[in-house]
Amino acid sequence: MWNHTNPSELIGDLATSWEWAADGMSVTFTLAEANWSDGAALNADDVKFSLDRMVDPVPPKPRAGSIRPYYKSSEVVDDRTVKINT
């Protein structure tokens, strides 16, 4: 999310940190500890599943259109780390 007092500063809700690859074609996120409503821990597999599902064209998801052109794939690095390829 964007800092409303400083729009060039991003503030992570689920990520505690992120780093762009030197070529600018991927970004690696370190995830904060978070839980689903049932108390189960949220992990990188959940993030990957959610992103992949968002861009899956069947069934159509109207809001996915804003990320689909930029999202190639994601990779689970470990339980708390996910790499997103653009």
N, C-alpha and C. Protein backbone atom coordinates (compact mmCIF):
# COMPACT_ATOMS: atom_id res chain seq x y z
N MET A 1 0.84 -1.17 0.00
CA MET A 1 0.00 0.00 0.00
C MET A 1 0.88 1.22 0.00
N TRP A 2 0.34 2.34 -0.43
CA TRP A 2 1.11 3.58 -0.51
C TRP A 2 0.94 4.40 0.75
N ASN A 3 2.00 5.06 1.13
CA ASN A 3 1.98 6.00 2.24
C ASN A 3 1.32 7.27 1.72
N HIS A 4 0.20 7.65 2.28
CA HIS A 4 -0.55 8.81 1.77
C HIS A 4 0.19 10.12 1.96
N THR A 5 1.08 10.20 2.94
CA THR A 5 1.84 11.43 3.12
C THR A 5 3.10 11.45 2.27
N ASN A 6 3.54 10.28 1.81
CA ASN A 6 4.71 10.18 0.94
C ASN A 6 4.41 9.12 -0.11
N PRO A 7 3.74 9.49 -1.21
CA PRO A 7 3.28 8.51 -2.20
C PRO A 7 4.37 7.65 -2.84
N SER A 8 5.63 8.06 -2.77
CA SER A 8 6.69 7.24 -3.36
C SER A 8 7.13 6.12 -2.41
N GLU A 9 6.64 6.12 -1.17
CA GLU A 9 6.99 5.10 -0.20
C GLU A 9 5.90 4.03 -0.14
N LEU A 10 6.31 2.78 -0.33
CA LEU A 10 5.38 1.66 -0.20
C LEU A 10 5.43 1.11 1.22
N ILE A 11 4.27 0.68 1.71
CA ILE A 11 4.18 0.07 3.03
C ILE A 11 3.57 -1.31 2.84
N GLY A 12 4.28 -2.34 3.27
CA GLY A 12 3.79 -3.70 3.10
C GLY A 12 2.73 -4.06 4.13
N ASP A 13 1.67 -4.71 3.68
CA ASP A 13 0.67 -5.23 4.61
C ASP A 13 1.02 -6.67 4.99
N LEU A 14 1.31 -7.49 4.01
CA LEU A 14 1.65 -8.89 4.26
C LEU A 14 3.16 -9.12 4.19
N ALA A 15 3.86 -8.28 3.46
CA ALA A 15 5.31 -8.44 3.31
C ALA A 15 6.04 -7.52 4.28
N THR A 16 7.06 -8.06 4.91
CA THR A 16 7.90 -7.24 5.80
C THR A 16 9.02 -6.57 5.02
N SER A 17 9.38 -7.18 3.88
CA SER A 17 10.40 -6.59 3.02
C SER A 17 10.28 -7.19 1.63
N TRP A 18 10.88 -6.53 0.66
CA TRP A 18 10.87 -7.01 -0.72
C TRP A 18 12.11 -6.47 -1.41
N GLU A 19 12.57 -7.23 -2.40
CA GLU A 19 13.78 -6.84 -3.13
C GLU A 19 13.61 -7.18 -4.59
N TRP A 20 13.83 -6.18 -5.44
CA TRP A 20 13.77 -6.39 -6.89
C TRP A 20 15.08 -7.01 -7.37
N ALA A 21 14.99 -7.90 -8.33
CA ALA A 21 16.18 -8.47 -8.98
C ALA A 21 16.87 -7.36 -9.76
N ALA A 22 18.15 -7.53 -10.00
CA ALA A 22 18.92 -6.52 -10.72
C ALA A 22 18.35 -6.23 -12.10
N ASP A 23 17.77 -7.24 -12.75
CA ASP A 23 17.20 -7.04 -14.09
C ASP A 23 15.78 -6.49 -14.05
N GLY A 24 15.21 -6.32 -12.85
CA GLY A 24 13.88 -5.77 -12.70
C GLY A 24 12.75 -6.71 -13.11
N MET A 25 13.06 -7.98 -13.35
CA MET A 25 12.06 -8.92 -13.85
C MET A 25 11.44 -9.81 -12.77
N SER A 26 11.87 -9.64 -11.53
CA SER A 26 11.26 -10.39 -10.43
C SER A 26 11.43 -9.60 -9.14
N VAL A 27 10.55 -9.89 -8.21
CA VAL A 27 10.64 -9.28 -6.88
C VAL A 27 10.41 -10.40 -5.86
N THR A 28 11.25 -10.42 -4.83
CA THR A 28 11.17 -11.44 -3.79
C THR A 28 10.65 -10.80 -2.51
N PHE A 29 9.56 -11.37 -1.99
CA PHE A 29 8.91 -10.86 -0.80
C PHE A 29 9.19 -11.75 0.39
N THR A 30 9.49 -11.14 1.53
CA THR A 30 9.55 -11.84 2.80
C THR A 30 8.23 -11.56 3.50
N LEU A 31 7.52 -12.61 3.86
CA LEU A 31 6.17 -12.47 4.41
C LEU A 31 6.18 -12.31 5.92
N ALA A 32 5.28 -11.49 6.41
CA ALA A 32 5.05 -11.35 7.84
C ALA A 32 4.34 -12.60 8.34
N GLU A 33 4.42 -12.86 9.62
CA GLU A 33 3.64 -13.95 10.20
C GLU A 33 2.19 -13.51 10.21
N ALA A 34 1.33 -14.35 9.65
CA ALA A 34 -0.10 -14.05 9.59
C ALA A 34 -0.87 -15.35 9.63
N ASN A 35 -2.12 -15.27 10.04
CA ASN A 35 -2.97 -16.45 10.14
C ASN A 35 -4.27 -16.23 9.38
N TRP A 36 -4.80 -17.33 8.88
CA TRP A 36 -6.13 -17.33 8.29
C TRP A 36 -7.14 -17.23 9.43
N SER A 37 -8.40 -17.01 9.09
CA SER A 37 -9.43 -16.84 10.12
C SER A 37 -9.61 -18.09 10.98
N ASP A 38 -9.19 -19.26 10.45
CA ASP A 38 -9.30 -20.49 11.25
C ASP A 38 -8.07 -20.73 12.12
N GLY A 39 -7.12 -19.79 12.10
CA GLY A 39 -5.92 -19.90 12.92
C GLY A 39 -4.74 -20.55 12.23
N ALA A 40 -4.96 -21.15 11.05
CA ALA A 40 -3.85 -21.77 10.31
C ALA A 40 -2.89 -20.69 9.82
N ALA A 41 -1.61 -21.00 9.85
CA ALA A 41 -0.60 -20.05 9.41
C ALA A 41 -0.67 -19.83 7.90
N LEU A 42 -0.58 -18.58 7.49
CA LEU A 42 -0.48 -18.25 6.08
C LEU A 42 0.98 -18.41 5.67
N ASN A 43 1.22 -18.98 4.48
CA ASN A 43 2.60 -19.19 4.05
C ASN A 43 2.76 -18.86 2.57
N ALA A 44 3.97 -19.01 2.07
CA ALA A 44 4.28 -18.68 0.68
C ALA A 44 3.48 -19.53 -0.30
N ASP A 45 3.18 -20.77 0.03
CA ASP A 45 2.34 -21.61 -0.84
C ASP A 45 0.96 -20.97 -1.03
N ASP A 46 0.41 -20.39 0.03
CA ASP A 46 -0.89 -19.74 -0.05
C ASP A 46 -0.84 -18.52 -0.97
N VAL A 47 0.23 -17.75 -0.86
CA VAL A 47 0.38 -16.56 -1.71
C VAL A 47 0.51 -16.97 -3.16
N LYS A 48 1.34 -17.96 -3.44
CA LYS A 48 1.51 -18.45 -4.81
C LYS A 48 0.18 -18.95 -5.37
N PHE A 49 -0.55 -19.76 -4.60
CA PHE A 49 -1.84 -20.27 -5.03
C PHE A 49 -2.81 -19.13 -5.35
N SER A 50 -2.86 -18.13 -4.48
CA SER A 50 -3.78 -17.01 -4.68
C SER A 50 -3.43 -16.21 -5.93
N LEU A 51 -2.16 -15.94 -6.14
CA LEU A 51 -1.76 -15.19 -7.34
C LEU A 51 -2.04 -15.98 -8.61
N ASP A 52 -1.68 -17.25 -8.60
CA ASP A 52 -1.94 -18.09 -9.78
C ASP A 52 -3.43 -18.17 -10.08
N ARG A 53 -4.23 -18.28 -9.04
CA ARG A 53 -5.68 -18.37 -9.23
C ARG A 53 -6.25 -17.05 -9.76
N MET A 54 -5.70 -15.93 -9.28
CA MET A 54 -6.18 -14.63 -9.74
C MET A 54 -6.03 -14.45 -11.24
N VAL A 55 -4.92 -14.94 -11.79
CA VAL A 55 -4.66 -14.71 -13.22
C VAL A 55 -5.16 -15.84 -14.11
N ASP A 56 -5.68 -16.91 -13.51
CA ASP A 56 -6.28 -17.99 -14.29
C ASP A 56 -7.51 -17.44 -15.00
N PRO A 57 -7.59 -17.57 -16.34
CA PRO A 57 -8.70 -16.97 -17.07
C PRO A 57 -10.06 -17.65 -16.86
N VAL A 58 -10.07 -18.85 -16.26
CA VAL A 58 -11.33 -19.56 -16.08
C VAL A 58 -11.54 -19.83 -14.59
N PRO A 59 -12.60 -19.37 -13.98
CA PRO A 59 -13.56 -18.43 -14.55
C PRO A 59 -12.97 -17.02 -14.57
N PRO A 60 -13.50 -16.14 -15.41
CA PRO A 60 -12.98 -14.78 -15.49
C PRO A 60 -13.06 -14.05 -14.15
N LYS A 61 -12.02 -13.29 -13.86
CA LYS A 61 -11.97 -12.50 -12.64
C LYS A 61 -11.67 -11.06 -13.04
N PRO A 62 -12.64 -10.19 -12.99
CA PRO A 62 -12.47 -8.83 -13.50
C PRO A 62 -11.29 -8.06 -12.93
N ARG A 63 -11.03 -8.20 -11.67
CA ARG A 63 -9.94 -7.42 -11.06
C ARG A 63 -8.56 -7.95 -11.43
N ALA A 64 -8.48 -9.16 -11.92
CA ALA A 64 -7.18 -9.74 -12.29
C ALA A 64 -6.58 -9.04 -13.50
N GLY A 65 -7.40 -8.36 -14.27
CA GLY A 65 -6.90 -7.68 -15.46
C GLY A 65 -5.80 -6.68 -15.16
N SER A 66 -5.79 -6.14 -13.96
CA SER A 66 -4.76 -5.14 -13.63
C SER A 66 -3.40 -5.77 -13.36
N ILE A 67 -3.35 -7.05 -12.97
CA ILE A 67 -2.03 -7.67 -12.73
C ILE A 67 -1.65 -8.66 -13.81
N ARG A 68 -2.61 -9.22 -14.53
CA ARG A 68 -2.32 -10.28 -15.50
C ARG A 68 -1.21 -9.89 -16.49
N PRO A 69 -1.19 -8.66 -17.04
CA PRO A 69 -0.13 -8.33 -18.01
C PRO A 69 1.28 -8.32 -17.42
N TYR A 70 1.38 -8.20 -16.11
CA TYR A 70 2.69 -8.08 -15.46
C TYR A 70 3.14 -9.34 -14.75
N TYR A 71 2.23 -10.28 -14.55
CA TYR A 71 2.52 -11.47 -13.76
C TYR A 71 2.82 -12.63 -14.69
N LYS A 72 4.04 -13.18 -14.56
CA LYS A 72 4.42 -14.36 -15.33
C LYS A 72 4.22 -15.62 -14.50
N SER A 73 4.77 -15.61 -13.28
CA SER A 73 4.67 -16.77 -12.39
C SER A 73 5.17 -16.38 -11.01
N SER A 74 5.02 -17.30 -10.07
CA SER A 74 5.63 -17.10 -8.76
C SER A 74 6.26 -18.40 -8.29
N GLU A 75 7.22 -18.25 -7.41
CA GLU A 75 7.97 -19.40 -6.89
C GLU A 75 8.03 -19.32 -5.37
N VAL A 76 7.82 -20.46 -4.72
CA VAL A 76 7.98 -20.54 -3.28
C VAL A 76 9.46 -20.76 -3.00
N VAL A 77 10.07 -19.84 -2.27
CA VAL A 77 11.48 -19.98 -1.89
C VAL A 77 11.56 -20.78 -0.60
N ASP A 78 10.74 -20.40 0.37
CA ASP A 78 10.58 -21.12 1.62
C ASP A 78 9.23 -20.69 2.21
N ASP A 79 8.89 -21.15 3.41
CA ASP A 79 7.57 -20.86 3.98
C ASP A 79 7.25 -19.37 4.07
N ARG A 80 8.25 -18.53 4.24
CA ARG A 80 8.04 -17.10 4.45
C ARG A 80 8.52 -16.24 3.28
N THR A 81 8.88 -16.87 2.16
CA THR A 81 9.44 -16.12 1.04
C THR A 81 8.85 -16.57 -0.27
N VAL A 82 8.41 -15.61 -1.08
CA VAL A 82 7.87 -15.91 -2.39
C VAL A 82 8.49 -14.95 -3.42
N LYS A 83 8.87 -15.52 -4.54
CA LYS A 83 9.46 -14.74 -5.64
C LYS A 83 8.42 -14.62 -6.74
N ILE A 84 8.15 -13.40 -7.17
CA ILE A 84 7.18 -13.16 -8.23
C ILE A 84 7.93 -12.72 -9.48
N ASN A 85 7.70 -13.44 -10.57
CA ASN A 85 8.34 -13.15 -11.84
C ASN A 85 7.39 -12.33 -12.71
N THR A 86 7.93 -11.27 -13.29
CA THR A 86 7.11 -10.39 -14.11
C THR A 86 7.43 -10.57 -15.57
